[in-house]
Amino acid sequence: RSAGGALEHAAMPALGADIALPGVDITFKSGAQPAEVATALKVVLGLTVISLAPAFLIALTSFTRIVIVLSMLRHAIGMPETPPNTVLVTLSLFLTLFTMMPVFERVNEEAYQPFAAGTIDTGTAFEKGMAPLREFMLRQTREADLALMVEVARRPAPQSPEEVSAVLLIPAFMLSELKSAFQ
């Protein structure tokens, strides 16, 4: 036999079998119950949100402005390495939490708690959770930055704040945050 044939032969019994590793059991079942599938999808969704949390923190909050201002302040006083970056980022995180707390509380009350209680579905929870963030970002976004994003995207200008899509609002908000930080 060739080496490839031996590998194929060795793998054949494992195709339909369970996988057992030290401390880990993976079982493949056909005909899984819908509740089990829903739970698995919730776990995957939760892990996805957790992995994207740093990007959301930077893109949807005042974190960018705060960390840039603190970094510029550090350089302005002639101490480019003191305090260390870890301290600046940690301080920026806590200041962001402080400034964003009213928004986070609304998201918790209007979206997360009803979703956790099972009174609203995922789509409704997402919409209700984004509403306070949208309001915050719209208040902090310069009209010129939003107009630039509309122009770059070659989209018609929105007639009201409700018509502004997240695809346009988020980069416009980030541009405004950068401008505010440097001013």
Protein backbone atom coordinates (compact mmCIF):
# COMPACT_ATOMS: atom_id res chain seq x y z
CA ARG A 1 0.00 0.00 0.00
CA SER A 2 0.97 3.59 -0.54
CA ALA A 3 1.28 5.99 2.37
CA GLY A 4 -1.86 7.83 1.20
CA GLY A 5 -3.85 4.57 1.13
CA ALA A 6 -2.76 3.71 4.65
CA LEU A 7 -3.92 7.11 5.91
CA GLU A 8 -7.29 6.74 4.22
CA HIS A 9 -7.72 3.26 5.68
CA ALA A 10 -6.79 4.47 9.17
CA ALA A 11 -9.22 7.40 8.95
CA MET A 12 -12.24 5.36 7.82
CA PRO A 13 -13.36 4.15 11.27
CA ALA A 14 -13.17 7.70 12.65
CA LEU A 15 -15.55 9.25 10.12
CA GLY A 16 -18.75 8.40 11.95
CA ALA A 17 -17.33 7.87 15.41
CA ASP A 18 -17.26 10.08 18.44
CA ILE A 19 -14.08 11.95 19.25
CA ALA A 20 -12.57 11.47 22.69
CA LEU A 21 -9.64 13.54 23.91
CA PRO A 22 -8.36 13.76 27.47
CA GLY A 23 -10.92 15.90 29.29
CA VAL A 24 -13.01 16.51 26.14
CA ASP A 25 -15.83 14.46 24.65
CA ILE A 26 -17.31 15.37 21.27
CA THR A 27 -20.32 13.37 20.18
CA PHE A 28 -21.92 13.61 16.75
CA LYS A 29 -25.63 12.84 16.91
CA SER A 30 -28.06 12.72 14.07
CA GLY A 31 -31.53 14.07 14.74
CA ALA A 32 -30.53 16.66 17.34
CA GLN A 33 -33.44 18.40 19.06
CA PRO A 34 -34.23 21.99 17.97
CA ALA A 35 -33.59 23.25 21.52
CA GLU A 36 -30.08 21.77 21.43
CA VAL A 37 -29.38 23.40 18.07
CA ALA A 38 -30.73 26.74 19.35
CA THR A 39 -28.50 26.53 22.41
CA ALA A 40 -25.47 25.75 20.25
CA LEU A 41 -26.25 28.71 18.01
CA LYS A 42 -26.59 30.99 21.05
CA VAL A 43 -23.16 29.84 22.25
CA VAL A 44 -21.64 30.53 18.82
CA LEU A 45 -23.34 33.94 18.71
CA GLY A 46 -22.09 34.75 22.22
CA LEU A 47 -18.52 33.78 21.36
CA THR A 48 -18.70 35.88 18.20
CA VAL A 49 -19.86 38.92 20.13
CA ILE A 50 -17.12 38.44 22.71
CA SER A 51 -14.45 38.14 20.04
CA LEU A 52 -15.70 41.32 18.34
CA ALA A 53 -16.06 43.27 21.60
CA PRO A 54 -12.70 45.08 21.28
CA ALA A 55 -13.62 46.29 17.78
CA PHE A 56 -17.04 47.42 19.05
CA LEU A 57 -15.37 49.21 21.96
CA ILE A 58 -13.10 51.15 19.64
CA ALA A 59 -15.64 51.84 16.90
CA LEU A 60 -18.82 52.59 18.85
CA THR A 61 -17.65 54.41 21.99
CA SER A 62 -15.58 57.39 23.06
CA PHE A 63 -12.56 55.12 23.74
CA THR A 64 -10.64 56.31 20.66
CA ARG A 65 -10.91 59.97 21.61
CA ILE A 66 -9.90 59.33 25.22
CA VAL A 67 -6.85 57.18 24.47
CA ILE A 68 -5.56 59.65 21.86
CA VAL A 69 -5.97 62.62 24.20
CA LEU A 70 -4.19 60.82 27.04
CA SER A 71 -1.39 59.76 24.72
CA MET A 72 -0.95 63.30 23.42
CA LEU A 73 -0.97 64.62 26.99
CA ARG A 74 1.76 62.15 27.94
CA HIS A 75 3.93 63.38 25.05
CA ALA A 76 3.12 67.04 25.76
CA ILE A 77 4.57 66.85 29.25
CA GLY A 78 7.78 65.36 27.83
CA MET A 79 7.41 61.85 29.20
CA PRO A 80 6.73 59.63 26.17
CA GLU A 81 7.03 56.37 28.12
CA THR A 82 5.44 57.36 31.44
CA PRO A 83 2.82 56.24 32.24
CA PRO A 84 3.16 53.04 30.21
CA ASN A 85 0.70 52.18 27.44
CA THR A 86 -0.99 49.58 29.64
CA VAL A 87 -1.86 52.24 32.18
CA LEU A 88 -3.14 54.62 29.47
CA VAL A 89 -5.34 51.96 27.89
CA THR A 90 -6.70 50.84 31.27
CA LEU A 91 -7.44 54.42 32.27
CA SER A 92 -9.09 54.98 28.88
CA LEU A 93 -11.24 51.89 29.39
CA PHE A 94 -12.49 53.10 32.75
CA LEU A 95 -13.11 56.64 31.49
CA THR A 96 -15.00 55.17 28.53
CA LEU A 97 -17.07 53.04 30.87
CA PHE A 98 -17.82 56.13 32.96
CA THR A 99 -18.86 58.29 29.99
CA MET A 100 -20.81 55.49 28.26
CA MET A 101 -22.59 54.21 31.38
CA PRO A 102 -25.94 55.91 30.60
CA VAL A 103 -25.91 54.31 27.12
CA PHE A 104 -24.92 50.88 28.48
CA GLU A 105 -27.66 51.09 31.14
CA ARG A 106 -30.28 51.79 28.45
CA VAL A 107 -29.00 48.89 26.34
CA ASN A 108 -29.21 46.63 29.38
CA GLU A 109 -32.74 47.76 30.35
CA GLU A 110 -34.27 47.97 26.87
CA ALA A 111 -32.54 45.10 25.07
CA TYR A 112 -30.47 42.68 27.15
CA GLN A 113 -32.80 42.11 30.11
CA PRO A 114 -35.91 41.48 27.95
CA PHE A 115 -33.84 39.20 25.68
CA ALA A 116 -32.46 37.26 28.65
CA ALA A 117 -35.98 36.92 30.04
CA GLY A 118 -37.15 35.58 26.70
CA THR A 119 -39.72 38.33 26.08
CA ILE A 120 -38.07 39.56 22.85
CA ASP A 121 -36.23 37.75 20.07
CA THR A 122 -32.64 38.27 18.90
CA GLY A 123 -33.53 40.66 16.07
CA THR A 124 -35.64 42.90 18.30
CA ALA A 125 -32.95 42.85 21.00
CA PHE A 126 -30.33 43.92 18.45
CA GLU A 127 -32.51 46.78 17.19
CA LYS A 128 -33.36 47.97 20.70
CA GLY A 129 -29.73 47.65 21.78
CA MET A 130 -28.43 49.63 18.83
CA ALA A 131 -30.89 52.51 19.34
CA PRO A 132 -29.06 54.10 22.33
CA LEU A 133 -25.69 53.59 20.60
CA ARG A 134 -27.02 55.23 17.41
CA GLU A 135 -28.30 58.20 19.42
CA PHE A 136 -24.93 58.59 21.12
CA MET A 137 -23.01 58.33 17.85
CA LEU A 138 -25.34 60.75 16.05
CA ARG A 139 -24.91 63.34 18.84
CA GLN A 140 -21.11 63.05 18.58
CA THR A 141 -20.82 62.93 14.77
CA ARG A 142 -20.14 66.07 12.79
CA GLU A 143 -22.46 66.67 9.85
CA ALA A 144 -19.46 67.22 7.56
CA ASP A 145 -18.06 63.79 8.42
CA LEU A 146 -21.42 62.13 7.78
CA ALA A 147 -21.75 64.02 4.48
CA LEU A 148 -18.28 62.80 3.50
CA MET A 149 -19.26 59.18 4.16
CA VAL A 150 -22.48 59.61 2.15
CA GLU A 151 -20.46 61.08 -0.72
CA VAL A 152 -17.78 58.36 -0.63
CA ALA A 153 -20.45 55.64 -0.53
CA ARG A 154 -22.31 57.34 -3.40
CA ARG A 155 -25.61 57.06 -1.57
CA PRO A 156 -28.48 59.51 -1.44
CA ALA A 157 -28.33 61.89 1.49
CA PRO A 158 -30.51 60.74 4.41
CA GLN A 159 -33.47 63.02 5.09
CA SER A 160 -33.66 62.23 8.82
CA PRO A 161 -31.42 60.73 11.53
CA GLU A 162 -33.44 57.48 11.39
CA GLU A 163 -32.43 57.04 7.72
CA VAL A 164 -28.68 57.08 8.49
CA SER A 165 -27.41 53.53 8.09
CA ALA A 166 -24.84 52.05 10.44
CA VAL A 167 -22.53 51.54 7.45
CA LEU A 168 -22.33 55.33 7.10
CA LEU A 169 -22.71 56.33 10.74
CA ILE A 170 -19.92 54.24 12.26
CA PRO A 171 -17.04 55.51 10.07
CA ALA A 172 -18.40 59.08 10.26
CA PHE A 173 -18.49 58.77 14.05
CA MET A 174 -14.92 57.44 14.11
CA LEU A 175 -13.72 60.34 11.92
CA SER A 176 -15.43 62.80 14.24
CA GLU A 177 -13.84 61.17 17.26
CA LEU A 178 -10.40 61.43 15.68
CA LYS A 179 -10.94 65.11 14.83
CA SER A 180 -12.20 65.86 18.33
CA ALA A 181 -9.22 64.10 19.88
CA PHE A 182 -6.70 66.05 17.83
CA GLN A 183 -8.46 69.37 18.44
